[in-house]
Amino acid sequence: MNYEETIVNVYHRILLPFHYIQLNSWWYYKEIQDDFSEWTAPPDIFPDGLQVVHRRLENIPIAVHNHYWSYNTVYKQNYSFAVD
């Protein structure tokens, strides 16, 4: 069983009123110094992708966390970043 199946199964089996799920910094690819560049999960973590997990969790909000941004983040093309 992978993380995707585990999260979805727990959500549907324990019958608690989840208002959101938070994913810490364990689930995405990291660069050499553990810096973060893109919200993409390895296929052994979320084989169907995070969007499918979101749908399988009945579209409850998913909060995500990362340690720090990589200078090479793909998001700096669309959003303002202060790089030092």
PDB file of N, CA and C in Angstrom:
ATOM      1  N   MET A   1       0.850  -1.174   0.000  1.00  0.00           N
ATOM      2  CA  MET A   1       0.000   0.000   0.000  1.00  0.00           C
ATOM      3  C   MET A   1       0.898   1.241   0.000  1.00  0.00           C
ATOM      4  N   ASN A   2       0.571   2.212  -0.840  1.00  0.00           N
ATOM      5  CA  ASN A   2       1.354   3.456  -0.905  1.00  0.00           C
ATOM      6  C   ASN A   2       0.671   4.547  -0.065  1.00  0.00           C
ATOM      7  N   TYR A   3       1.298   5.717  -0.017  1.00  0.00           N
ATOM      8  CA  TYR A   3       0.755   6.822   0.782  1.00  0.00           C
ATOM      9  C   TYR A   3      -0.619   7.260   0.285  1.00  0.00           C
ATOM     10  N   GLU A   4      -0.780   7.288  -1.020  1.00  0.00           N
ATOM     11  CA  GLU A   4      -2.076   7.697  -1.580  1.00  0.00           C
ATOM     12  C   GLU A   4      -3.195   6.801  -1.074  1.00  0.00           C
ATOM     13  N   GLU A   5      -3.014   5.491  -1.202  1.00  0.00           N
ATOM     14  CA  GLU A   5      -4.032   4.547  -0.745  1.00  0.00           C
ATOM     15  C   GLU A   5      -4.260   4.650   0.759  1.00  0.00           C
ATOM     16  N   THR A   6      -3.182   4.820   1.514  1.00  0.00           N
ATOM     17  CA  THR A   6      -3.298   4.920   2.969  1.00  0.00           C
ATOM     18  C   THR A   6      -4.124   6.132   3.379  1.00  0.00           C
ATOM     19  N   ILE A   7      -3.801   7.298   2.835  1.00  0.00           N
ATOM     20  CA  ILE A   7      -4.521   8.525   3.191  1.00  0.00           C
ATOM     21  C   ILE A   7      -6.000   8.411   2.824  1.00  0.00           C
ATOM     22  N   VAL A   8      -6.286   7.931   1.634  1.00  0.00           N
ATOM     23  CA  VAL A   8      -7.680   7.812   1.190  1.00  0.00           C
ATOM     24  C   VAL A   8      -8.430   6.784   2.039  1.00  0.00           C
ATOM     25  N   ASN A   9      -7.803   5.639   2.317  1.00  0.00           N
ATOM     26  CA  ASN A   9      -8.466   4.611   3.129  1.00  0.00           C
ATOM     27  C   ASN A   9      -8.749   5.097   4.547  1.00  0.00           C
ATOM     28  N   VAL A  10      -7.796   5.762   5.166  1.00  0.00           N
ATOM     29  CA  VAL A  10      -8.009   6.284   6.522  1.00  0.00           C
ATOM     30  C   VAL A  10      -9.148   7.298   6.508  1.00  0.00           C
ATOM     31  N   TYR A  11      -9.125   8.191   5.543  1.00  0.00           N
ATOM     32  CA  TYR A  11     -10.176   9.211   5.436  1.00  0.00           C
ATOM     33  C   TYR A  11     -11.571   8.573   5.387  1.00  0.00           C
ATOM     34  N   HIS A  12     -11.726   7.527   4.584  1.00  0.00           N
ATOM     35  CA  HIS A  12     -13.044   6.924   4.392  1.00  0.00           C
ATOM     36  C   HIS A  12     -13.428   5.951   5.505  1.00  0.00           C
ATOM     37  N   ARG A  13     -12.467   5.429   6.239  1.00  0.00           N
ATOM     38  CA  ARG A  13     -12.783   4.407   7.246  1.00  0.00           C
ATOM     39  C   ARG A  13     -13.034   4.945   8.649  1.00  0.00           C
ATOM     40  N   ILE A  14     -12.354   6.001   9.057  1.00  0.00           N
ATOM     41  CA  ILE A  14     -12.485   6.392  10.462  1.00  0.00           C
ATOM     42  C   ILE A  14     -13.667   7.320  10.730  1.00  0.00           C
ATOM     43  N   LEU A  15     -14.275   7.824   9.702  1.00  0.00           N
ATOM     44  CA  LEU A  15     -15.528   8.576   9.809  1.00  0.00           C
ATOM     45  C   LEU A  15     -15.461   9.757  10.780  1.00  0.00           C
ATOM     46  N   LEU A  16     -14.382  10.485  10.735  1.00  0.00           N
ATOM     47  CA  LEU A  16     -14.270  11.732  11.484  1.00  0.00           C
ATOM     48  C   LEU A  16     -14.528  12.897  10.538  1.00  0.00           C
ATOM     49  N   PRO A  17     -15.007  14.014  11.044  1.00  0.00           N
ATOM     50  CA  PRO A  17     -15.298  15.159  10.176  1.00  0.00           C
ATOM     51  C   PRO A  17     -14.027  15.940   9.817  1.00  0.00           C
ATOM     52  N   PHE A  18     -13.269  15.425   8.879  1.00  0.00           N
ATOM     53  CA  PHE A  18     -12.063  16.122   8.426  1.00  0.00           C
ATOM     54  C   PHE A  18     -12.457  17.456   7.791  1.00  0.00           C
ATOM     55  N   HIS A  19     -11.754  18.511   8.131  1.00  0.00           N
ATOM     56  CA  HIS A  19     -11.980  19.813   7.508  1.00  0.00           C
ATOM     57  C   HIS A  19     -10.868  20.155   6.528  1.00  0.00           C
ATOM     58  N   TYR A  20      -9.727  19.506   6.684  1.00  0.00           N
ATOM     59  CA  TYR A  20      -8.616  19.623   5.745  1.00  0.00           C
ATOM     60  C   TYR A  20      -7.599  18.545   6.087  1.00  0.00           C
ATOM     61  N   ILE A  21      -6.679  18.314   5.185  1.00  0.00           N
ATOM     62  CA  ILE A  21      -5.553  17.409   5.422  1.00  0.00           C
ATOM     63  C   ILE A  21      -4.288  18.186   5.127  1.00  0.00           C
ATOM     64  N   GLN A  22      -3.304  18.051   5.984  1.00  0.00           N
ATOM     65  CA  GLN A  22      -2.024  18.729   5.766  1.00  0.00           C
ATOM     66  C   GLN A  22      -0.962  17.710   5.397  1.00  0.00           C
ATOM     67  N   LEU A  23      -0.249  18.006   4.324  1.00  0.00           N
ATOM     68  CA  LEU A  23       0.883  17.187   3.900  1.00  0.00           C
ATOM     69  C   LEU A  23       2.154  17.950   4.223  1.00  0.00           C
ATOM     70  N   ASN A  24       2.985  17.369   5.036  1.00  0.00           N
ATOM     71  CA  ASN A  24       4.230  18.010   5.415  1.00  0.00           C
ATOM     72  C   ASN A  24       5.242  17.872   4.284  1.00  0.00           C
ATOM     73  N   SER A  25       6.487  18.044   4.553  1.00  0.00           N
ATOM     74  CA  SER A  25       7.502  18.140   3.490  1.00  0.00           C
ATOM     75  C   SER A  25       8.073  16.797   3.044  1.00  0.00           C
ATOM     76  N   TRP A  26       7.406  15.709   3.282  1.00  0.00           N
ATOM     77  CA  TRP A  26       7.931  14.390   2.940  1.00  0.00           C
ATOM     78  C   TRP A  26       7.519  13.902   1.554  1.00  0.00           C
ATOM     79  N   TRP A  27       6.579  14.511   0.906  1.00  0.00           N
ATOM     80  CA  TRP A  27       5.911  13.881  -0.228  1.00  0.00           C
ATOM     81  C   TRP A  27       6.383  14.338  -1.603  1.00  0.00           C
ATOM     82  N   TYR A  28       7.206  15.333  -1.723  1.00  0.00           N
ATOM     83  CA  TYR A  28       7.592  15.847  -3.040  1.00  0.00           C
ATOM     84  C   TYR A  28       9.090  15.673  -3.267  1.00  0.00           C
ATOM     85  N   TYR A  29       9.480  15.793  -4.536  1.00  0.00           N
ATOM     86  CA  TYR A  29      10.899  15.732  -4.885  1.00  0.00           C
ATOM     87  C   TYR A  29      11.640  16.910  -4.264  1.00  0.00           C
ATOM     88  N   LYS A  30      12.857  16.661  -3.840  1.00  0.00           N
ATOM     89  CA  LYS A  30      13.701  17.728  -3.296  1.00  0.00           C
ATOM     90  C   LYS A  30      14.981  17.810  -4.116  1.00  0.00           C
ATOM     91  N   GLU A  31      15.584  18.981  -4.107  1.00  0.00           N
ATOM     92  CA  GLU A  31      16.857  19.150  -4.793  1.00  0.00           C
ATOM     93  C   GLU A  31      17.998  18.767  -3.843  1.00  0.00           C
ATOM     94  N   ILE A  32      19.212  19.024  -4.245  1.00  0.00           N
ATOM     95  CA  ILE A  32      20.399  18.556  -3.529  1.00  0.00           C
ATOM     96  C   ILE A  32      20.408  18.960  -2.057  1.00  0.00           C
ATOM     97  N   GLN A  33      20.033  20.177  -1.748  1.00  0.00           N
ATOM     98  CA  GLN A  33      20.081  20.659  -0.361  1.00  0.00           C
ATOM     99  C   GLN A  33      18.700  20.637   0.294  1.00  0.00           C
ATOM    100  N   ASP A  34      17.851  19.728  -0.124  1.00  0.00           N
ATOM    101  CA  ASP A  34      16.485  19.606   0.384  1.00  0.00           C
ATOM    102  C   ASP A  34      15.613  20.813   0.081  1.00  0.00           C
ATOM    103  N   ASP A  35      16.054  21.646  -0.849  1.00  0.00           N
ATOM    104  CA  ASP A  35      15.215  22.778  -1.216  1.00  0.00           C
ATOM    105  C   ASP A  35      14.138  22.319  -2.196  1.00  0.00           C
ATOM    106  N   PHE A  36      13.109  23.110  -2.274  1.00  0.00           N
ATOM    107  CA  PHE A  36      11.897  22.742  -2.979  1.00  0.00           C
ATOM    108  C   PHE A  36      11.767  23.529  -4.275  1.00  0.00           C
ATOM    109  N   SER A  37      11.436  22.821  -5.373  1.00  0.00           N
ATOM    110  CA  SER A  37      11.293  23.532  -6.641  1.00  0.00           C
ATOM    111  C   SER A  37       9.910  23.387  -7.280  1.00  0.00           C
ATOM    112  N   GLU A  38       9.211  22.278  -7.017  1.00  0.00           N
ATOM    113  CA  GLU A  38       7.915  22.077  -7.677  1.00  0.00           C
ATOM    114  C   GLU A  38       7.065  21.096  -6.878  1.00  0.00           C
ATOM    115  N   TRP A  39       5.742  21.356  -6.814  1.00  0.00           N
ATOM    116  CA  TRP A  39       4.822  20.462  -6.119  1.00  0.00           C
ATOM    117  C   TRP A  39       4.544  19.240  -6.993  1.00  0.00           C
ATOM    118  N   THR A  40       5.477  18.331  -7.051  1.00  0.00           N
ATOM    119  CA  THR A  40       5.324  17.104  -7.820  1.00  0.00           C
ATOM    120  C   THR A  40       5.721  15.929  -6.941  1.00  0.00           C
ATOM    121  N   ALA A  41       4.872  14.929  -6.876  1.00  0.00           N
ATOM    122  CA  ALA A  41       5.142  13.762  -6.034  1.00  0.00           C
ATOM    123  C   ALA A  41       5.742  12.631  -6.851  1.00  0.00           C
ATOM    124  N   PRO A  42       6.687  11.890  -6.274  1.00  0.00           N
ATOM    125  CA  PRO A  42       7.185  10.686  -6.936  1.00  0.00           C
ATOM    126  C   PRO A  42       6.039   9.677  -7.099  1.00  0.00           C
ATOM    127  N   PRO A  43       6.087   8.845  -8.131  1.00  0.00           N
ATOM    128  CA  PRO A  43       4.990   7.909  -8.382  1.00  0.00           C
ATOM    129  C   PRO A  43       4.789   6.869  -7.280  1.00  0.00           C
ATOM    130  N   ASP A  44       5.791   6.619  -6.459  1.00  0.00           N
ATOM    131  CA  ASP A  44       5.584   5.666  -5.364  1.00  0.00           C
ATOM    132  C   ASP A  44       4.844   6.305  -4.186  1.00  0.00           C
ATOM    133  N   ILE A  45       4.749   7.625  -4.154  1.00  0.00           N
ATOM    134  CA  ILE A  45       4.034   8.331  -3.086  1.00  0.00           C
ATOM    135  C   ILE A  45       2.569   8.542  -3.486  1.00  0.00           C
ATOM    136  N   PHE A  46       2.341   9.266  -4.568  1.00  0.00           N
ATOM    137  CA  PHE A  46       0.993   9.513  -5.088  1.00  0.00           C
ATOM    138  C   PHE A  46       0.971   9.099  -6.560  1.00  0.00           C
ATOM    139  N   PRO A  47       0.775   7.805  -6.840  1.00  0.00           N
ATOM    140  CA  PRO A  47       0.831   7.314  -8.225  1.00  0.00           C
ATOM    141  C   PRO A  47      -0.137   8.012  -9.175  1.00  0.00           C
ATOM    142  N   ASP A  48      -1.297   8.411  -8.678  1.00  0.00           N
ATOM    143  CA  ASP A  48      -2.296   9.047  -9.536  1.00  0.00           C
ATOM    144  C   ASP A  48      -2.216  10.565  -9.515  1.00  0.00           C
ATOM    145  N   GLY A  49      -1.307  11.117  -8.716  1.00  0.00           N
ATOM    146  CA  GLY A  49      -1.146  12.562  -8.624  1.00  0.00           C
ATOM    147  C   GLY A  49      -1.994  13.168  -7.514  1.00  0.00           C
ATOM    148  N   LEU A  50      -1.588  14.321  -7.063  1.00  0.00           N
ATOM    149  CA  LEU A  50      -2.257  14.983  -5.945  1.00  0.00           C
ATOM    150  C   LEU A  50      -3.672  15.437  -6.296  1.00  0.00           C
ATOM    151  N   GLN A  51      -3.935  15.778  -7.547  1.00  0.00           N
ATOM    152  CA  GLN A  51      -5.293  16.184  -7.938  1.00  0.00           C
ATOM    153  C   GLN A  51      -6.285  15.032  -7.779  1.00  0.00           C
ATOM    154  N   VAL A  52      -5.859  13.824  -8.107  1.00  0.00           N
ATOM    155  CA  VAL A  52      -6.731  12.657  -7.945  1.00  0.00           C
ATOM    156  C   VAL A  52      -6.959  12.371  -6.464  1.00  0.00           C
ATOM    157  N   VAL A  53      -5.912  12.488  -5.660  1.00  0.00           N
ATOM    158  CA  VAL A  53      -6.065  12.310  -4.214  1.00  0.00           C
ATOM    159  C   VAL A  53      -7.093  13.310  -3.681  1.00  0.00           C
ATOM    160  N   HIS A  54      -6.993  14.547  -4.114  1.00  0.00           N
ATOM    161  CA  HIS A  54      -7.936  15.586  -3.690  1.00  0.00           C
ATOM    162  C   HIS A  54      -9.376  15.186  -4.019  1.00  0.00           C
ATOM    163  N   ARG A  55      -9.614  14.698  -5.218  1.00  0.00           N
ATOM    164  CA  ARG A  55     -10.965  14.255  -5.602  1.00  0.00           C
ATOM    165  C   ARG A  55     -11.413  13.062  -4.758  1.00  0.00           C
ATOM    166  N   ARG A  56     -10.481  12.118  -4.518  1.00  0.00           N
ATOM    167  CA  ARG A  56     -10.831  10.924  -3.733  1.00  0.00           C
ATOM    168  C   ARG A  56     -11.111  11.270  -2.270  1.00  0.00           C
ATOM    169  N   LEU A  57     -10.626  12.417  -1.824  1.00  0.00           N
ATOM    170  CA  LEU A  57     -10.906  12.902  -0.473  1.00  0.00           C
ATOM    171  C   LEU A  57     -12.101  13.857  -0.472  1.00  0.00           C
ATOM    172  N   GLU A  58     -12.936  13.730  -1.477  1.00  0.00           N
ATOM    173  CA  GLU A  58     -14.167  14.513  -1.600  1.00  0.00           C
ATOM    174  C   GLU A  58     -13.902  16.013  -1.633  1.00  0.00           C
ATOM    175  N   ASN A  59     -12.771  16.377  -2.225  1.00  0.00           N
ATOM    176  CA  ASN A  59     -12.386  17.776  -2.448  1.00  0.00           C
ATOM    177  C   ASN A  59     -12.220  18.606  -1.175  1.00  0.00           C
ATOM    178  N   ILE A  60     -11.898  17.954  -0.053  1.00  0.00           N
ATOM    179  CA  ILE A  60     -11.591  18.754   1.136  1.00  0.00           C
ATOM    180  C   ILE A  60     -10.265  19.473   0.879  1.00  0.00           C
ATOM    181  N   PRO A  61     -10.043  20.604   1.519  1.00  0.00           N
ATOM    182  CA  PRO A  61      -8.785  21.332   1.301  1.00  0.00           C
ATOM    183  C   PRO A  61      -7.567  20.499   1.704  1.00  0.00           C
ATOM    184  N   ILE A  62      -6.509  20.659   0.938  1.00  0.00           N
ATOM    185  CA  ILE A  62      -5.226  20.041   1.262  1.00  0.00           C
ATOM    186  C   ILE A  62      -4.230  21.173   1.483  1.00  0.00           C
ATOM    187  N   ALA A  63      -3.679  21.225   2.681  1.00  0.00           N
ATOM    188  CA  ALA A  63      -2.632  22.201   2.996  1.00  0.00           C
ATOM    189  C   ALA A  63      -1.287  21.522   2.781  1.00  0.00           C
ATOM    190  N   VAL A  64      -0.363  22.212   2.133  1.00  0.00           N
ATOM    191  CA  VAL A  64       0.958  21.632   1.883  1.00  0.00           C
ATOM    192  C   VAL A  64       2.040  22.510   2.500  1.00  0.00           C
ATOM    193  N   HIS A  65       3.154  21.902   2.800  1.00  0.00           N
ATOM    194  CA  HIS A  65       4.249  22.573   3.504  1.00  0.00           C
ATOM    195  C   HIS A  65       5.550  22.267   2.777  1.00  0.00           C
ATOM    196  N   ASN A  66       6.445  23.223   2.770  1.00  0.00           N
ATOM    197  CA  ASN A  66       7.797  22.959   2.280  1.00  0.00           C
ATOM    198  C   ASN A  66       8.789  23.708   3.161  1.00  0.00           C
ATOM    199  N   HIS A  67      10.016  23.223   3.187  1.00  0.00           N
ATOM    200  CA  HIS A  67      11.039  23.843   4.036  1.00  0.00           C
ATOM    201  C   HIS A  67      11.431  25.216   3.502  1.00  0.00           C
ATOM    202  N   TYR A  68      12.015  25.252   2.331  1.00  0.00           N
ATOM    203  CA  TYR A  68      12.402  26.521   1.727  1.00  0.00           C
ATOM    204  C   TYR A  68      12.475  26.343   0.226  1.00  0.00           C
ATOM    205  N   TRP A  69      12.309  27.443  -0.473  1.00  0.00           N
ATOM    206  CA  TRP A  69      12.231  27.429  -1.932  1.00  0.00           C
ATOM    207  C   TRP A  69      13.612  27.313  -2.557  1.00  0.00           C
ATOM    208  N   SER A  70      13.676  26.600  -3.646  1.00  0.00           N
ATOM    209  CA  SER A  70      14.886  26.515  -4.450  1.00  0.00           C
ATOM    210  C   SER A  70      15.004  27.768  -5.319  1.00  0.00           C
ATOM    211  N   TYR A  71      16.213  28.162  -5.581  1.00  0.00           N
ATOM    212  CA  TYR A  71      16.444  29.251  -6.534  1.00  0.00           C
ATOM    213  C   TYR A  71      15.862  28.880  -7.898  1.00  0.00           C
ATOM    214  N   ASN A  72      15.804  27.582  -8.190  1.00  0.00           N
ATOM    215  CA  ASN A  72      15.339  27.089  -9.490  1.00  0.00           C
ATOM    216  C   ASN A  72      13.838  26.791  -9.534  1.00  0.00           C
ATOM    217  N   THR A  73      13.074  27.245  -8.567  1.00  0.00           N
ATOM    218  CA  THR A  73      11.651  26.920  -8.562  1.00  0.00           C
ATOM    219  C   THR A  73      10.976  27.338  -9.870  1.00  0.00           C
ATOM    220  N   VAL A  74      10.100  26.485 -10.342  1.00  0.00           N
ATOM    221  CA  VAL A  74       9.370  26.782 -11.579  1.00  0.00           C
ATOM    222  C   VAL A  74       8.340  27.891 -11.365  1.00  0.00           C
ATOM    223  N   TYR A  75       8.000  28.157 -10.129  1.00  0.00           N
ATOM    224  CA  TYR A  75       6.953  29.133  -9.830  1.00  0.00           C
ATOM    225  C   TYR A  75       7.433  30.578  -9.893  1.00  0.00           C
ATOM    226  N   LYS A  76       8.726  30.801  -9.942  1.00  0.00           N
ATOM    227  CA  LYS A  76       9.206  32.188 -10.004  1.00  0.00           C
ATOM    228  C   LYS A  76       8.904  32.828 -11.360  1.00  0.00           C
ATOM    229  N   GLN A  77       8.511  32.022 -12.336  1.00  0.00           N
ATOM    230  CA  GLN A  77       8.107  32.560 -13.633  1.00  0.00           C
ATOM    231  C   GLN A  77       6.758  33.286 -13.543  1.00  0.00           C
ATOM    232  N   ASN A  78       5.915  32.865 -12.600  1.00  0.00           N
ATOM    233  CA  ASN A  78       4.562  33.422 -12.485  1.00  0.00           C
ATOM    234  C   ASN A  78       4.306  34.210 -11.207  1.00  0.00           C
ATOM    235  N   TYR A  79       5.204  34.089 -10.239  1.00  0.00           N
ATOM    236  CA  TYR A  79       5.002  34.742  -8.943  1.00  0.00           C
ATOM    237  C   TYR A  79       6.274  35.469  -8.535  1.00  0.00           C
ATOM    238  N   SER A  80       6.128  36.491  -7.719  1.00  0.00           N
ATOM    239  CA  SER A  80       7.284  37.263  -7.254  1.00  0.00           C
ATOM    240  C   SER A  80       8.005  36.509  -6.143  1.00  0.00           C
ATOM    241  N   PHE A  81       9.312  36.427  -6.259  1.00  0.00           N
ATOM    242  CA  PHE A  81      10.154  35.805  -5.242  1.00  0.00           C
ATOM    243  C   PHE A  81      11.290  36.752  -4.908  1.00  0.00           C
ATOM    244  N   ALA A  82      11.632  36.827  -3.647  1.00  0.00           N
ATOM    245  CA  ALA A  82      12.824  37.571  -3.225  1.00  0.00           C
ATOM    246  C   ALA A  82      13.960  36.565  -3.131  1.00  0.00           C
ATOM    247  N   VAL A  83      14.952  36.707  -3.967  1.00  0.00           N
ATOM    248  CA  VAL A  83      16.072  35.769  -4.010  1.00  0.00           C
ATOM    249  C   VAL A  83      17.296  36.456  -3.449  1.00  0.00           C
ATOM    250  N   ASP A  84      17.926  35.810  -2.455  1.00  0.00           N
ATOM    251  CA  ASP A  84      19.165  36.385  -1.926  1.00  0.00           C
ATOM    252  C   ASP A  84      20.281  35.368  -1.942  1.00  0.00           C
TER     253      ASP A  84
END
